[in-house]
């Protein structure tokens, strides 16, 4: 397998893993310290759970946009991959500057890896 085949699969898998994390938050996982600025100990309040649900939709869109740039179906327009790359970059930045040290340690490297994969995929198109 080539890089152009492996990276989209890895990016898609990473998105699915983060979506799984967001669903866990949505259903009450006590991980408030490692998400959304670490402002909540334990489970997120309703507003945080709504944000987690919105994140699921955004992550699904990003996964489809980036993998479309790699030639996967449903073949969204290329501009969507550039938007997804921008959102991934903002997510990465937000996770590195969050006031929550545990969130930075966990999500900083993960979102950085996802940004790197997304950038390579979009620029290889």
N, C-alpha and C. Protein backbone atom coordinates (compact mmCIF):
# COMPACT_ATOMS: atom_id res chain seq x y z
N UNK A 1 0.84 -1.19 0.00
CA UNK A 1 0.00 0.00 0.00
C UNK A 1 0.88 1.25 0.00
N UNK A 2 0.40 2.26 -0.68
CA UNK A 2 1.14 3.51 -0.76
C UNK A 2 0.63 4.50 0.29
N UNK A 3 1.38 5.58 0.46
CA UNK A 3 1.00 6.63 1.40
C UNK A 3 -0.36 7.20 1.02
N UNK A 4 -0.61 7.34 -0.27
CA UNK A 4 -1.89 7.90 -0.72
C UNK A 4 -3.07 6.98 -0.42
N UNK A 5 -2.80 5.72 -0.11
CA UNK A 5 -3.86 4.79 0.28
C UNK A 5 -3.97 4.67 1.80
N UNK A 6 -2.84 4.76 2.48
CA UNK A 6 -2.82 4.58 3.94
C UNK A 6 -3.31 5.82 4.68
N UNK A 7 -2.86 7.01 4.27
CA UNK A 7 -3.21 8.23 5.01
C UNK A 7 -4.71 8.49 5.09
N UNK A 8 -5.46 8.35 3.99
CA UNK A 8 -6.91 8.57 4.13
C UNK A 8 -7.56 7.59 5.11
N UNK A 9 -7.11 6.36 5.09
CA UNK A 9 -7.66 5.36 6.02
C UNK A 9 -7.32 5.72 7.46
N UNK A 10 -6.09 6.17 7.68
CA UNK A 10 -5.69 6.58 9.04
C UNK A 10 -6.46 7.82 9.49
N UNK A 11 -6.61 8.78 8.60
CA UNK A 11 -7.36 9.99 8.96
C UNK A 11 -8.81 9.65 9.27
N UNK A 12 -9.42 8.82 8.43
CA UNK A 12 -10.81 8.42 8.64
C UNK A 12 -10.95 7.69 9.97
N UNK A 13 -10.01 6.80 10.27
CA UNK A 13 -10.03 6.06 11.53
C UNK A 13 -9.88 7.00 12.72
N UNK A 14 -8.99 7.98 12.60
CA UNK A 14 -8.81 8.96 13.68
C UNK A 14 -10.10 9.74 13.90
N UNK A 15 -10.75 10.14 12.81
CA UNK A 15 -12.03 10.86 12.94
C UNK A 15 -13.07 9.99 13.64
N UNK A 16 -13.14 8.71 13.27
CA UNK A 16 -14.09 7.81 13.92
C UNK A 16 -13.79 7.66 15.41
N UNK A 17 -12.52 7.61 15.76
CA UNK A 17 -12.14 7.51 17.18
C UNK A 17 -12.57 8.76 17.94
N UNK A 18 -12.35 9.93 17.36
CA UNK A 18 -12.75 11.17 18.02
C UNK A 18 -14.27 11.26 18.09
N UNK A 19 -14.95 10.79 17.06
CA UNK A 19 -16.42 10.75 17.10
C UNK A 19 -16.89 9.83 18.23
N UNK A 20 -16.22 8.71 18.41
CA UNK A 20 -16.54 7.82 19.53
C UNK A 20 -16.37 8.52 20.86
N UNK A 21 -15.30 9.30 21.00
CA UNK A 21 -15.07 10.08 22.22
C UNK A 21 -16.21 11.08 22.42
N UNK A 22 -16.62 11.76 21.36
CA UNK A 22 -17.70 12.75 21.45
C UNK A 22 -19.02 12.08 21.84
N UNK A 23 -19.29 10.90 21.30
CA UNK A 23 -20.50 10.17 21.69
C UNK A 23 -20.44 9.79 23.17
N UNK A 24 -19.27 9.38 23.63
CA UNK A 24 -19.13 9.05 25.06
C UNK A 24 -19.44 10.28 25.92
N UNK A 25 -18.94 11.44 25.51
CA UNK A 25 -19.25 12.68 26.24
C UNK A 25 -20.75 12.96 26.20
N UNK A 26 -21.33 12.78 25.04
CA UNK A 26 -22.76 13.03 24.84
C UNK A 26 -23.60 12.18 25.80
N UNK A 27 -23.16 10.95 26.03
CA UNK A 27 -23.91 10.04 26.88
C UNK A 27 -23.42 10.02 28.33
N UNK A 28 -22.61 11.02 28.71
CA UNK A 28 -22.29 11.21 30.13
C UNK A 28 -20.95 10.71 30.63
N UNK A 29 -20.02 10.38 29.75
CA UNK A 29 -18.69 9.97 30.22
C UNK A 29 -18.09 11.11 31.07
N UNK A 30 -17.42 10.77 32.15
CA UNK A 30 -16.91 11.79 33.08
C UNK A 30 -15.56 12.37 32.65
N UNK A 31 -15.48 12.87 31.43
CA UNK A 31 -14.21 13.32 30.87
C UNK A 31 -14.17 14.82 30.62
N UNK A 32 -14.96 15.57 31.35
CA UNK A 32 -15.02 17.02 31.17
C UNK A 32 -13.68 17.71 31.31
N UNK A 33 -12.79 17.13 32.10
CA UNK A 33 -11.47 17.73 32.32
C UNK A 33 -10.58 17.70 31.08
N UNK A 34 -10.88 16.80 30.15
CA UNK A 34 -10.00 16.67 28.97
C UNK A 34 -10.67 17.13 27.69
N UNK A 35 -11.68 17.98 27.83
CA UNK A 35 -12.36 18.50 26.65
C UNK A 35 -12.96 19.86 26.93
N UNK A 36 -13.22 20.61 25.89
CA UNK A 36 -13.91 21.89 25.97
C UNK A 36 -13.30 22.83 27.01
N UNK A 37 -11.99 22.87 27.03
CA UNK A 37 -11.29 23.78 27.93
C UNK A 37 -11.11 23.25 29.34
N UNK A 38 -11.55 22.04 29.60
CA UNK A 38 -11.38 21.43 30.91
C UNK A 38 -12.15 22.13 32.02
N UNK A 39 -13.22 22.82 31.67
CA UNK A 39 -13.96 23.62 32.65
C UNK A 39 -14.86 22.80 33.56
N UNK A 40 -15.12 21.55 33.19
CA UNK A 40 -16.07 20.75 33.97
C UNK A 40 -15.41 19.47 34.45
N UNK A 41 -15.52 19.24 35.73
CA UNK A 41 -15.07 17.98 36.32
C UNK A 41 -16.20 16.97 36.09
N UNK A 42 -15.88 15.79 35.66
CA UNK A 42 -16.92 14.78 35.46
C UNK A 42 -17.64 14.96 34.14
N UNK A 43 -18.91 14.58 34.13
CA UNK A 43 -19.73 14.66 32.92
C UNK A 43 -20.00 16.11 32.54
N UNK A 44 -20.18 16.34 31.27
CA UNK A 44 -20.48 17.68 30.77
C UNK A 44 -21.93 18.06 31.04
N UNK A 45 -22.18 19.36 31.24
CA UNK A 45 -23.57 19.81 31.34
C UNK A 45 -24.23 19.74 29.97
N UNK A 46 -25.50 20.05 29.92
CA UNK A 46 -26.25 19.96 28.66
C UNK A 46 -25.59 20.75 27.54
N UNK A 47 -25.13 21.96 27.82
CA UNK A 47 -24.50 22.77 26.76
C UNK A 47 -23.26 22.09 26.21
N UNK A 48 -22.48 21.46 27.07
CA UNK A 48 -21.29 20.73 26.61
C UNK A 48 -21.65 19.51 25.80
N UNK A 49 -22.74 18.86 26.16
CA UNK A 49 -23.19 17.69 25.41
C UNK A 49 -23.71 18.09 24.03
N UNK A 50 -24.36 19.24 23.97
CA UNK A 50 -24.81 19.75 22.67
C UNK A 50 -23.59 20.06 21.80
N UNK A 51 -22.57 20.66 22.41
CA UNK A 51 -21.33 20.94 21.66
C UNK A 51 -20.70 19.64 21.16
N UNK A 52 -20.75 18.59 21.95
CA UNK A 52 -20.21 17.29 21.53
C UNK A 52 -21.01 16.75 20.34
N UNK A 53 -22.32 16.91 20.36
CA UNK A 53 -23.15 16.46 19.24
C UNK A 53 -22.83 17.23 17.97
N UNK A 54 -22.64 18.54 18.11
CA UNK A 54 -22.26 19.36 16.95
C UNK A 54 -20.89 18.91 16.42
N UNK A 55 -19.99 18.59 17.33
CA UNK A 55 -18.66 18.12 16.93
C UNK A 55 -18.74 16.84 16.10
N UNK A 56 -19.67 15.97 16.44
CA UNK A 56 -19.84 14.73 15.68
C UNK A 56 -20.16 15.05 14.22
N UNK A 57 -21.08 15.97 14.01
CA UNK A 57 -21.48 16.35 12.65
C UNK A 57 -20.30 16.97 11.90
N UNK A 58 -19.58 17.86 12.57
CA UNK A 58 -18.42 18.51 11.95
C UNK A 58 -17.35 17.48 11.60
N UNK A 59 -17.06 16.57 12.51
CA UNK A 59 -16.05 15.54 12.27
C UNK A 59 -16.43 14.62 11.12
N UNK A 60 -17.70 14.27 11.03
CA UNK A 60 -18.15 13.44 9.90
C UNK A 60 -17.93 14.18 8.58
N UNK A 61 -18.29 15.45 8.56
CA UNK A 61 -18.07 16.25 7.36
C UNK A 61 -16.60 16.36 7.00
N UNK A 62 -15.75 16.56 8.01
CA UNK A 62 -14.31 16.65 7.76
C UNK A 62 -13.78 15.32 7.22
N UNK A 63 -14.22 14.22 7.80
CA UNK A 63 -13.76 12.91 7.34
C UNK A 63 -14.12 12.68 5.88
N UNK A 64 -15.35 13.01 5.52
CA UNK A 64 -15.79 12.80 4.13
C UNK A 64 -15.06 13.76 3.18
N UNK A 65 -14.89 15.02 3.60
CA UNK A 65 -14.22 16.00 2.74
C UNK A 65 -12.77 15.61 2.48
N UNK A 66 -12.06 15.23 3.52
CA UNK A 66 -10.63 14.88 3.36
C UNK A 66 -10.48 13.59 2.57
N UNK A 67 -11.30 12.58 2.86
CA UNK A 67 -11.16 11.33 2.10
C UNK A 67 -11.65 11.50 0.66
N UNK A 68 -12.56 12.42 0.42
CA UNK A 68 -12.96 12.73 -0.96
C UNK A 68 -11.78 13.27 -1.75
N UNK A 69 -10.95 14.09 -1.08
CA UNK A 69 -9.76 14.63 -1.75
C UNK A 69 -8.80 13.51 -2.14
N UNK A 70 -8.88 12.39 -1.42
CA UNK A 70 -8.03 11.24 -1.73
C UNK A 70 -8.65 10.32 -2.77
N UNK A 71 -9.84 10.69 -3.27
CA UNK A 71 -10.48 9.89 -4.30
C UNK A 71 -11.55 8.95 -3.78
N UNK A 72 -11.83 8.99 -2.49
CA UNK A 72 -12.90 8.14 -1.95
C UNK A 72 -14.25 8.72 -2.31
N UNK A 73 -15.24 7.89 -2.33
CA UNK A 73 -16.61 8.34 -2.54
C UNK A 73 -17.09 8.97 -1.25
N UNK A 74 -17.95 9.97 -1.31
CA UNK A 74 -18.83 10.36 -2.39
C UNK A 74 -18.28 11.44 -3.31
N UNK A 75 -17.01 11.72 -3.26
CA UNK A 75 -16.38 12.69 -4.16
C UNK A 75 -16.97 14.10 -4.02
N UNK A 76 -16.86 14.65 -2.82
CA UNK A 76 -17.28 16.02 -2.60
C UNK A 76 -16.35 16.97 -3.36
N UNK A 77 -16.79 18.18 -3.64
CA UNK A 77 -15.93 19.16 -4.33
C UNK A 77 -14.65 19.41 -3.53
N UNK A 78 -13.58 19.71 -4.23
CA UNK A 78 -12.27 19.85 -3.60
C UNK A 78 -12.23 20.99 -2.58
N UNK A 79 -13.04 22.03 -2.80
CA UNK A 79 -13.03 23.14 -1.85
C UNK A 79 -13.42 22.68 -0.45
N UNK A 80 -14.24 21.61 -0.36
CA UNK A 80 -14.64 21.13 0.97
C UNK A 80 -13.45 20.58 1.75
N UNK A 81 -12.48 20.01 1.03
CA UNK A 81 -11.29 19.49 1.73
C UNK A 81 -10.44 20.64 2.27
N UNK A 82 -10.41 21.77 1.55
CA UNK A 82 -9.66 22.92 2.05
C UNK A 82 -10.34 23.53 3.28
N UNK A 83 -11.67 23.53 3.28
CA UNK A 83 -12.40 24.00 4.47
C UNK A 83 -12.13 23.07 5.64
N UNK A 84 -12.20 21.76 5.38
CA UNK A 84 -11.93 20.78 6.44
C UNK A 84 -10.50 20.92 6.97
N UNK A 85 -9.56 21.17 6.08
CA UNK A 85 -8.18 21.37 6.50
C UNK A 85 -8.08 22.60 7.41
N UNK A 86 -8.78 23.67 7.06
CA UNK A 86 -8.78 24.87 7.89
C UNK A 86 -9.39 24.60 9.26
N UNK A 87 -10.50 23.88 9.29
CA UNK A 87 -11.15 23.54 10.57
C UNK A 87 -10.23 22.65 11.39
N UNK A 88 -9.55 21.71 10.73
CA UNK A 88 -8.61 20.84 11.45
C UNK A 88 -7.48 21.67 12.04
N UNK A 89 -7.01 22.66 11.29
CA UNK A 89 -5.96 23.54 11.80
C UNK A 89 -6.42 24.34 13.01
N UNK A 90 -7.65 24.86 12.96
CA UNK A 90 -8.19 25.60 14.10
C UNK A 90 -8.37 24.69 15.32
N UNK A 91 -8.81 23.48 15.07
CA UNK A 91 -8.96 22.51 16.16
C UNK A 91 -7.62 22.21 16.81
N UNK A 92 -6.61 22.05 15.99
CA UNK A 92 -5.26 21.78 16.49
C UNK A 92 -4.78 22.95 17.35
N UNK A 93 -4.93 24.15 16.83
CA UNK A 93 -4.51 25.34 17.58
C UNK A 93 -5.26 25.44 18.91
N UNK A 94 -6.56 25.25 18.87
CA UNK A 94 -7.37 25.34 20.09
C UNK A 94 -6.92 24.32 21.13
N UNK A 95 -6.54 23.13 20.68
CA UNK A 95 -6.12 22.10 21.62
C UNK A 95 -4.73 22.35 22.19
N UNK A 96 -3.92 23.12 21.51
CA UNK A 96 -2.60 23.47 22.05
C UNK A 96 -2.66 24.68 22.97
N UNK A 97 -3.67 25.53 22.82
CA UNK A 97 -3.71 26.74 23.66
C UNK A 97 -4.77 26.66 24.76
N UNK A 98 -5.44 25.52 24.90
CA UNK A 98 -6.45 25.37 25.93
C UNK A 98 -5.84 25.57 27.32
N UNK A 99 -6.61 26.13 28.25
CA UNK A 99 -6.09 26.28 29.61
C UNK A 99 -5.96 24.95 30.36
N UNK A 100 -6.54 23.89 29.84
CA UNK A 100 -6.50 22.59 30.49
C UNK A 100 -5.25 21.81 30.08
N UNK A 101 -4.33 21.63 31.02
CA UNK A 101 -3.11 20.88 30.73
C UNK A 101 -3.40 19.44 30.31
N UNK A 102 -4.31 18.73 30.98
CA UNK A 102 -4.60 17.36 30.52
C UNK A 102 -5.15 17.32 29.09
N UNK A 103 -5.96 18.31 28.76
CA UNK A 103 -6.51 18.37 27.39
C UNK A 103 -5.39 18.62 26.39
N UNK A 104 -4.48 19.53 26.71
CA UNK A 104 -3.33 19.81 25.82
C UNK A 104 -2.51 18.56 25.60
N UNK A 105 -2.21 17.85 26.69
CA UNK A 105 -1.36 16.65 26.57
C UNK A 105 -2.01 15.55 25.74
N UNK A 106 -3.32 15.42 25.85
CA UNK A 106 -4.01 14.38 25.08
C UNK A 106 -4.29 14.82 23.65
N UNK A 107 -4.99 15.94 23.49
CA UNK A 107 -5.50 16.33 22.19
C UNK A 107 -4.52 17.11 21.33
N UNK A 108 -3.55 17.77 21.93
CA UNK A 108 -2.55 18.48 21.13
C UNK A 108 -1.86 17.56 20.13
N UNK A 109 -1.27 16.46 20.60
CA UNK A 109 -0.61 15.55 19.66
C UNK A 109 -1.58 14.86 18.68
N UNK A 110 -2.76 14.50 19.16
CA UNK A 110 -3.72 13.83 18.28
C UNK A 110 -4.16 14.75 17.16
N UNK A 111 -4.55 15.98 17.50
CA UNK A 111 -5.01 16.89 16.46
C UNK A 111 -3.86 17.35 15.57
N UNK A 112 -2.65 17.36 16.09
CA UNK A 112 -1.49 17.68 15.25
C UNK A 112 -1.27 16.58 14.21
N UNK A 113 -1.36 15.33 14.64
CA UNK A 113 -1.21 14.21 13.70
C UNK A 113 -2.32 14.24 12.65
N UNK A 114 -3.54 14.53 13.09
CA UNK A 114 -4.66 14.61 12.15
C UNK A 114 -4.47 15.76 11.16
N UNK A 115 -3.95 16.89 11.64
CA UNK A 115 -3.67 18.02 10.75
C UNK A 115 -2.61 17.65 9.73
N UNK A 116 -1.56 16.98 10.18
CA UNK A 116 -0.51 16.56 9.25
C UNK A 116 -1.03 15.62 8.18
N UNK A 117 -1.84 14.64 8.60
CA UNK A 117 -2.41 13.71 7.62
C UNK A 117 -3.31 14.44 6.63
N UNK A 118 -4.19 15.29 7.16
CA UNK A 118 -5.11 16.02 6.29
C UNK A 118 -4.36 16.90 5.30
N UNK A 119 -3.31 17.57 5.77
CA UNK A 119 -2.53 18.45 4.88
C UNK A 119 -1.89 17.67 3.75
N UNK A 120 -1.29 16.54 4.08
CA UNK A 120 -0.66 15.71 3.03
C UNK A 120 -1.70 15.23 2.04
N UNK A 121 -2.85 14.77 2.53
CA UNK A 121 -3.89 14.27 1.64
C UNK A 121 -4.37 15.37 0.70
N UNK A 122 -4.66 16.54 1.25
CA UNK A 122 -5.20 17.63 0.42
C UNK A 122 -4.15 18.11 -0.59
N UNK A 123 -2.89 18.21 -0.17
CA UNK A 123 -1.87 18.68 -1.10
C UNK A 123 -1.47 17.64 -2.13
N UNK A 124 -1.74 16.37 -1.87
CA UNK A 124 -1.42 15.31 -2.83
C UNK A 124 -2.47 15.21 -3.93
N UNK A 125 -3.63 15.80 -3.73
CA UNK A 125 -4.74 15.64 -4.66
C UNK A 125 -4.45 16.12 -6.02
